[in-house]
């Protein structure tokens, strides 16, 4: 993966002043609630740079990155989670993959999103249109991945993911996905919360937490002002008794390499190889869907690859 340079110097200065991106897992109410908090402002800005996204595309795909990063806190080791949204609206679809170690990658199908008129509110349900959310867990050592699916009912990723967990895992769940932009359209704060009831959680605690969640200050804005996720959790959930369990770094990362694409070229069927040579459009540029990295191959290099030789 090649990270594109973020050119906006004012944004870079702002990012340097924020706490590093990361994910924190805590317990509330004597272990009755599991809370994962995430700060990902740099991650989403790097995602935006690599895919050259506009504000709307950054908002929508950024939410998916934050959500996937939060969900991956429930797996361990080399396990990973795939979040797939297949929808009929202008967005077209979203695919994001997140590892337990904190690496996140993925893409939005339509970039830019085709619009008949500018979006004038944060209600983006029509951009999703009818669709399904699928969540796949790929666990190391387990040959068969587990996939669950629900129909989108809200066109709001946080609400639809909560619905997914409520239906597929029968677990009361709440998501908060916050992105905060300045007047110039810079993303200056991004983060999220993922709360789940543990077995035996009382109705009283659930009701208290639900009421409390409606009064929480905007997480994205708090992060943009320099507050860490840990500070936000301690300040806003102190009445529930915060017990911190773990924390880990988080970032936009993809395992793709130039060698991987070279191997891909070498394994193409003979007719496709010949078609590439006949088209004679070089350098040949291949792009990784999951991170936007572009790898360029000159004609003589492609010819050597097709012959099974390394230059």
Protein backbone atom coordinates (compact mmCIF):
# COMPACT_ATOMS: atom_id res chain seq x y z
CA UNK A 1 0.00 0.00 0.00
CA UNK A 2 1.14 3.52 -0.79
CA UNK A 3 -0.27 6.34 1.33
CA UNK A 4 -0.94 9.48 -0.66
CA UNK A 5 0.34 12.69 0.83
CA UNK A 6 -2.19 14.92 2.55
CA UNK A 7 -1.46 18.30 0.97
CA UNK A 8 -3.53 20.62 3.17
CA UNK A 9 -0.99 22.14 5.58
CA UNK A 10 -3.65 23.58 7.90
CA UNK A 11 -5.25 20.15 8.19
CA UNK A 12 -1.88 18.49 8.82
CA UNK A 13 -1.13 20.96 11.60
CA UNK A 14 -4.52 20.23 13.15
CA UNK A 15 -3.98 16.45 12.96
CA UNK A 16 -0.59 16.82 14.63
CA UNK A 17 -2.32 18.45 17.60
CA UNK A 18 -4.81 15.62 18.13
CA UNK A 19 -4.30 12.45 20.19
CA UNK A 20 -3.23 9.48 18.06
CA UNK A 21 -5.97 7.35 16.55
CA UNK A 22 -6.89 4.36 18.66
CA UNK A 23 -9.55 2.08 20.06
CA UNK A 24 -10.41 1.51 23.72
CA UNK A 25 -12.53 -1.27 25.22
CA UNK A 26 -14.13 -0.76 28.64
CA UNK A 27 -16.81 -2.24 30.87
CA UNK A 28 -19.60 -0.23 32.47
CA UNK A 29 -22.00 -0.91 35.34
CA UNK A 30 -19.97 -3.68 36.97
CA UNK A 31 -19.48 -5.53 33.70
CA UNK A 32 -23.06 -5.31 32.45
CA UNK A 33 -22.16 -3.16 29.41
CA UNK A 34 -19.22 -3.48 27.01
CA UNK A 35 -18.18 -0.12 25.55
CA UNK A 36 -15.73 0.34 22.69
CA UNK A 37 -14.64 3.87 21.86
CA UNK A 38 -12.67 4.87 18.77
CA UNK A 39 -10.85 7.95 17.57
CA UNK A 40 -10.03 7.88 13.86
CA UNK A 41 -9.54 11.38 12.48
CA UNK A 42 -6.18 10.66 10.84
CA UNK A 43 -7.41 7.30 9.54
CA UNK A 44 -10.40 8.81 7.76
CA UNK A 45 -8.36 11.72 6.38
CA UNK A 46 -5.81 9.28 4.94
CA UNK A 47 -8.67 7.27 3.44
CA UNK A 48 -9.99 10.48 1.90
CA UNK A 49 -6.60 11.33 0.41
CA UNK A 50 -6.00 7.89 -1.06
CA UNK A 51 -9.40 7.74 -2.77
CA UNK A 52 -9.61 11.49 -3.54
CA UNK A 53 -13.03 11.75 -1.91
CA UNK A 54 -15.36 14.70 -1.68
CA UNK A 55 -17.01 15.75 1.57
CA UNK A 56 -20.13 13.59 1.14
CA UNK A 57 -18.18 10.49 0.13
CA UNK A 58 -15.81 11.04 3.07
CA UNK A 59 -18.75 11.28 5.46
CA UNK A 60 -20.40 8.09 4.23
CA UNK A 61 -17.32 5.89 3.81
CA UNK A 62 -15.77 7.38 6.96
CA UNK A 63 -18.76 6.19 8.98
CA UNK A 64 -18.25 2.68 7.60
CA UNK A 65 -14.53 2.76 8.50
CA UNK A 66 -15.33 3.81 12.05
CA UNK A 67 -18.07 1.17 12.38
CA UNK A 68 -15.84 -1.63 11.07
CA UNK A 69 -13.01 -0.53 13.34
CA UNK A 70 -15.36 -0.68 16.31
CA UNK A 71 -16.77 -4.10 15.41
CA UNK A 72 -13.30 -5.61 15.02
CA UNK A 73 -12.78 -5.09 18.76
CA UNK A 74 -14.88 -8.24 19.21
CA UNK A 75 -12.33 -10.51 17.46
CA UNK A 76 -8.72 -11.42 18.31
CA UNK A 77 -5.34 -12.25 16.80
CA UNK A 78 -5.45 -12.32 13.01
CA UNK A 79 -9.25 -12.43 12.91
CA UNK A 80 -11.08 -9.84 10.85
CA UNK A 81 -14.55 -8.52 10.12
CA UNK A 82 -16.02 -7.58 6.76
CA UNK A 83 -18.84 -5.04 6.53
CA UNK A 84 -20.68 -5.12 3.21
CA UNK A 85 -23.55 -2.83 2.25
CA UNK A 86 -25.39 -3.71 -0.94
CA UNK A 87 -27.86 -0.95 -1.76
CA UNK A 88 -29.93 0.39 -4.63
CA UNK A 89 -29.39 4.10 -4.05
CA UNK A 90 -26.75 6.39 -5.59
CA UNK A 91 -24.09 5.13 -3.14
CA UNK A 92 -24.20 1.79 -4.93
CA UNK A 93 -22.56 -0.11 -2.10
CA UNK A 94 -19.78 -0.10 0.49
CA UNK A 95 -17.21 -2.73 1.43
CA UNK A 96 -14.94 -2.32 4.47
CA UNK A 97 -12.65 -4.84 6.15
CA UNK A 98 -11.13 -4.45 9.62
CA UNK A 99 -8.63 -6.58 11.52
CA UNK A 100 -8.42 -7.18 15.26
CA UNK A 101 -5.01 -5.44 15.19
CA UNK A 102 -6.65 -2.15 14.14
CA UNK A 103 -6.03 -2.10 10.37
CA UNK A 104 -8.99 -0.86 8.29
CA UNK A 105 -9.45 -0.69 4.52
CA UNK A 106 -12.33 -0.58 2.03
CA UNK A 107 -14.14 1.43 -0.62
CA UNK A 108 -17.38 3.04 -1.71
CA UNK A 109 -18.71 1.74 -5.03
CA UNK A 110 -19.68 5.06 -6.61
CA UNK A 111 -17.08 7.79 -6.27
CA UNK A 112 -18.25 10.44 -6.76
CA UNK A 113 -21.81 9.64 -5.74
CA UNK A 114 -24.11 10.63 -8.63
CA UNK A 115 -26.60 13.22 -7.38
CA UNK A 116 -29.55 14.95 -9.04
CA UNK A 117 -29.32 17.80 -6.54
CA UNK A 118 -27.05 18.78 -3.61
CA UNK A 119 -27.62 17.07 -0.25
CA UNK A 120 -28.98 19.68 2.16
CA UNK A 121 -29.22 17.69 5.40
CA UNK A 122 -27.57 14.85 7.31
CA UNK A 123 -30.45 12.57 6.34
CA UNK A 124 -28.78 10.41 3.70
CA UNK A 125 -31.30 7.54 3.74
CA UNK A 126 -32.27 8.17 0.12
CA UNK A 127 -28.63 7.84 -0.92
CA UNK A 128 -28.61 4.29 0.44
CA UNK A 129 -32.04 3.40 -0.87
CA UNK A 130 -33.24 -0.18 -0.34
CA UNK A 131 -30.40 -2.41 0.75
CA UNK A 132 -28.88 -5.08 2.96
CA UNK A 133 -26.12 -5.06 5.56
CA UNK A 134 -23.92 -8.16 5.75
CA UNK A 135 -21.33 -8.75 8.48
CA UNK A 136 -18.81 -11.55 8.05
CA UNK A 137 -16.42 -12.80 10.74
CA UNK A 138 -13.30 -14.56 9.46
CA UNK A 139 -11.71 -16.33 12.38
CA UNK A 140 -8.21 -17.76 12.20
CA UNK A 141 -8.27 -21.55 12.11
CA UNK A 142 -11.96 -21.65 11.20
CA UNK A 143 -12.47 -22.69 7.58
CA UNK A 144 -16.05 -21.49 7.39
CA UNK A 145 -16.68 -17.77 7.88
CA UNK A 146 -19.84 -16.70 9.70
CA UNK A 147 -22.04 -14.23 7.82
CA UNK A 148 -25.19 -12.54 9.05
CA UNK A 149 -27.45 -10.25 7.06
CA UNK A 150 -30.32 -7.86 7.71
CA UNK A 151 -32.32 -5.50 5.54
CA UNK A 152 -31.59 -1.80 6.03
CA UNK A 153 -34.59 -0.12 7.62
CA UNK A 154 -33.31 3.35 8.45
CA UNK A 155 -30.72 4.34 5.84
CA UNK A 156 -28.64 5.35 8.86
CA UNK A 157 -25.57 3.15 9.38
CA UNK A 158 -25.47 3.48 13.17
CA UNK A 159 -29.15 2.54 13.56
CA UNK A 160 -29.02 -0.22 10.96
CA UNK A 161 -25.96 -1.83 12.56
CA UNK A 162 -27.65 -1.72 15.96
CA UNK A 163 -30.63 -3.44 14.34
CA UNK A 164 -28.30 -6.06 12.84
CA UNK A 165 -26.87 -7.01 16.24
CA UNK A 166 -30.29 -6.95 17.88
CA UNK A 167 -31.66 -9.34 15.26
CA UNK A 168 -28.73 -11.58 14.38
CA UNK A 169 -27.13 -11.89 17.82
CA UNK A 170 -30.11 -10.95 20.03
CA UNK A 171 -27.86 -8.47 21.79
CA UNK A 172 -29.09 -4.96 22.71
CA UNK A 173 -26.63 -2.67 20.93
CA UNK A 174 -26.02 1.00 20.24
CA UNK A 175 -23.66 2.70 17.78
CA UNK A 176 -22.62 6.33 17.56
CA UNK A 177 -20.62 7.38 14.48
CA UNK A 178 -19.43 10.98 14.52
CA UNK A 179 -17.60 13.00 11.85
CA UNK A 180 -17.08 16.73 12.29
CA UNK A 181 -16.09 19.06 9.42
CA UNK A 182 -15.01 22.68 9.54
CA UNK A 183 -16.51 25.40 7.35
CA UNK A 184 -13.93 24.72 4.63
CA UNK A 185 -14.96 21.06 4.42
CA UNK A 186 -11.95 19.66 6.27
CA UNK A 187 -12.58 16.61 8.43
CA UNK A 188 -11.28 17.74 11.82
CA UNK A 189 -12.79 15.14 14.14
CA UNK A 190 -13.92 11.52 13.71
CA UNK A 191 -14.82 8.81 16.19
CA UNK A 192 -17.41 6.33 17.33
CA UNK A 193 -18.93 4.34 20.18
CA UNK A 194 -20.12 0.73 20.23
CA UNK A 195 -22.12 -0.34 23.29
CA UNK A 196 -23.43 -3.86 23.90
CA UNK A 197 -25.31 -5.44 26.76
CA UNK A 198 -23.49 -8.38 28.35
CA UNK A 199 -25.37 -11.53 29.45
CA UNK A 200 -27.40 -10.79 32.56
CA UNK A 201 -27.55 -7.04 32.00
CA UNK A 202 -30.52 -5.60 33.87
CA UNK A 203 -33.36 -3.71 32.20
CA UNK A 204 -32.72 -0.87 34.63
CA UNK A 205 -29.16 -0.38 33.39
CA UNK A 206 -30.28 -0.59 29.76
CA UNK A 207 -32.97 2.02 30.28
CA UNK A 208 -30.60 4.32 32.14
CA UNK A 209 -27.99 3.99 29.39
CA UNK A 210 -30.52 4.59 26.63
CA UNK A 211 -31.71 7.79 28.29
CA UNK A 212 -28.12 8.86 28.90
CA UNK A 213 -27.13 8.31 25.26
CA UNK A 214 -29.58 10.95 24.05
CA UNK A 215 -27.67 13.59 26.04
CA UNK A 216 -24.13 12.74 24.96
CA UNK A 217 -22.11 15.59 23.41
CA UNK A 218 -21.04 15.06 19.79
CA UNK A 219 -17.98 12.80 19.82
CA UNK A 220 -16.57 14.03 16.49
CA UNK A 221 -16.65 17.63 17.72
CA UNK A 222 -15.07 16.69 21.06
CA UNK A 223 -12.22 14.92 19.25
CA UNK A 224 -11.76 17.93 16.95
CA UNK A 225 -11.18 20.02 20.07
CA UNK A 226 -8.33 17.77 21.19
CA UNK A 227 -10.16 15.40 23.52
CA UNK A 228 -9.05 11.76 23.50
CA UNK A 229 -11.57 8.93 23.36
CA UNK A 230 -10.47 7.86 26.82
CA UNK A 231 -11.16 11.33 28.22
CA UNK A 232 -14.53 11.45 26.49
CA UNK A 233 -15.55 8.10 27.98
CA UNK A 234 -14.35 8.97 31.48
CA UNK A 235 -16.18 12.31 31.41
CA UNK A 236 -19.47 11.07 29.96
CA UNK A 237 -19.83 7.59 31.46
CA UNK A 238 -18.43 8.14 34.96
CA UNK A 239 -21.86 7.50 36.50
CA UNK A 240 -21.67 3.94 35.15
CA UNK A 241 -18.25 3.16 36.64
CA UNK A 242 -15.75 2.85 33.78
CA UNK A 243 -13.42 -0.15 33.92
CA UNK A 244 -10.83 0.01 31.12
CA UNK A 245 -9.89 -3.37 29.61
CA UNK A 246 -7.62 -2.71 26.63
CA UNK A 247 -6.50 -0.23 24.02
CA UNK A 248 -4.79 -0.57 20.65
CA UNK A 249 -3.75 1.66 17.75
CA UNK A 250 -5.90 2.07 14.66
CA UNK A 251 -5.17 3.08 11.09
CA UNK A 252 -5.92 2.94 7.38
CA UNK A 253 -3.85 0.02 6.14
CA UNK A 254 -3.90 -2.51 3.29
CA UNK A 255 -1.62 -5.53 2.75
CA UNK A 256 -1.49 -5.01 -1.03
CA UNK A 257 1.96 -4.78 -2.64
CA UNK A 258 3.39 -4.32 -6.10
CA UNK A 259 4.54 -7.96 -6.00
CA UNK A 260 0.95 -9.09 -5.39
CA UNK A 261 -0.19 -7.31 -8.54
CA UNK A 262 2.76 -8.67 -10.47
CA UNK A 263 1.75 -12.19 -9.45
CA UNK A 264 -1.83 -11.41 -10.47
CA UNK A 265 -0.65 -10.37 -13.94
CA UNK A 266 1.40 -13.53 -14.31
CA UNK A 267 -1.62 -15.71 -13.56
CA UNK A 268 -3.94 -14.14 -16.12
CA UNK A 269 -5.30 -16.42 -18.89
CA UNK A 270 -3.23 -16.34 -22.07
CA UNK A 271 -5.93 -14.55 -24.08
CA UNK A 272 -6.07 -11.72 -21.52
CA UNK A 273 -2.29 -11.40 -21.54
CA UNK A 274 -2.31 -11.14 -25.31
CA UNK A 275 -5.12 -8.59 -25.15
CA UNK A 276 -3.05 -6.36 -22.87
CA UNK A 277 -0.08 -6.54 -25.25
CA UNK A 278 -2.27 -5.92 -28.29
CA UNK A 279 -3.87 -2.85 -26.69
CA UNK A 280 -0.35 -1.47 -26.21
CA UNK A 281 -1.48 1.00 -23.53
CA UNK A 282 1.56 1.42 -21.32
CA UNK A 283 2.49 2.02 -18.65
CA UNK A 284 -0.17 -0.42 -17.43
CA UNK A 285 -1.79 0.95 -14.28
CA UNK A 286 -3.53 -1.33 -11.78
CA UNK A 287 -5.44 0.03 -8.80
CA UNK A 288 -6.21 -1.68 -5.50
CA UNK A 289 -9.93 -1.35 -4.86
CA UNK A 290 -9.46 -1.49 -1.09
CA UNK A 291 -6.99 1.36 -0.64
CA UNK A 292 -6.80 3.28 -3.91
CA UNK A 293 -3.09 2.55 -4.41
CA UNK A 294 -2.04 2.54 -8.08
CA UNK A 295 0.79 0.35 -9.33
CA UNK A 296 2.38 1.13 -12.71
CA UNK A 297 4.08 -1.42 -14.98
CA UNK A 298 6.14 -0.59 -18.09
CA UNK A 299 5.77 -2.66 -21.26
CA UNK A 300 9.07 -4.53 -20.98
CA UNK A 301 8.29 -5.43 -17.36
CA UNK A 302 4.84 -6.76 -18.31
CA UNK A 303 6.38 -8.82 -21.09
CA UNK A 304 8.87 -10.34 -18.65
CA UNK A 305 6.10 -11.10 -16.18
CA UNK A 306 4.09 -12.83 -18.89
CA UNK A 307 7.15 -14.91 -19.78
CA UNK A 308 7.55 -15.89 -16.14
CA UNK A 309 10.68 -13.80 -15.71
CA UNK A 310 11.50 -11.20 -13.10
CA UNK A 311 13.15 -7.99 -14.09
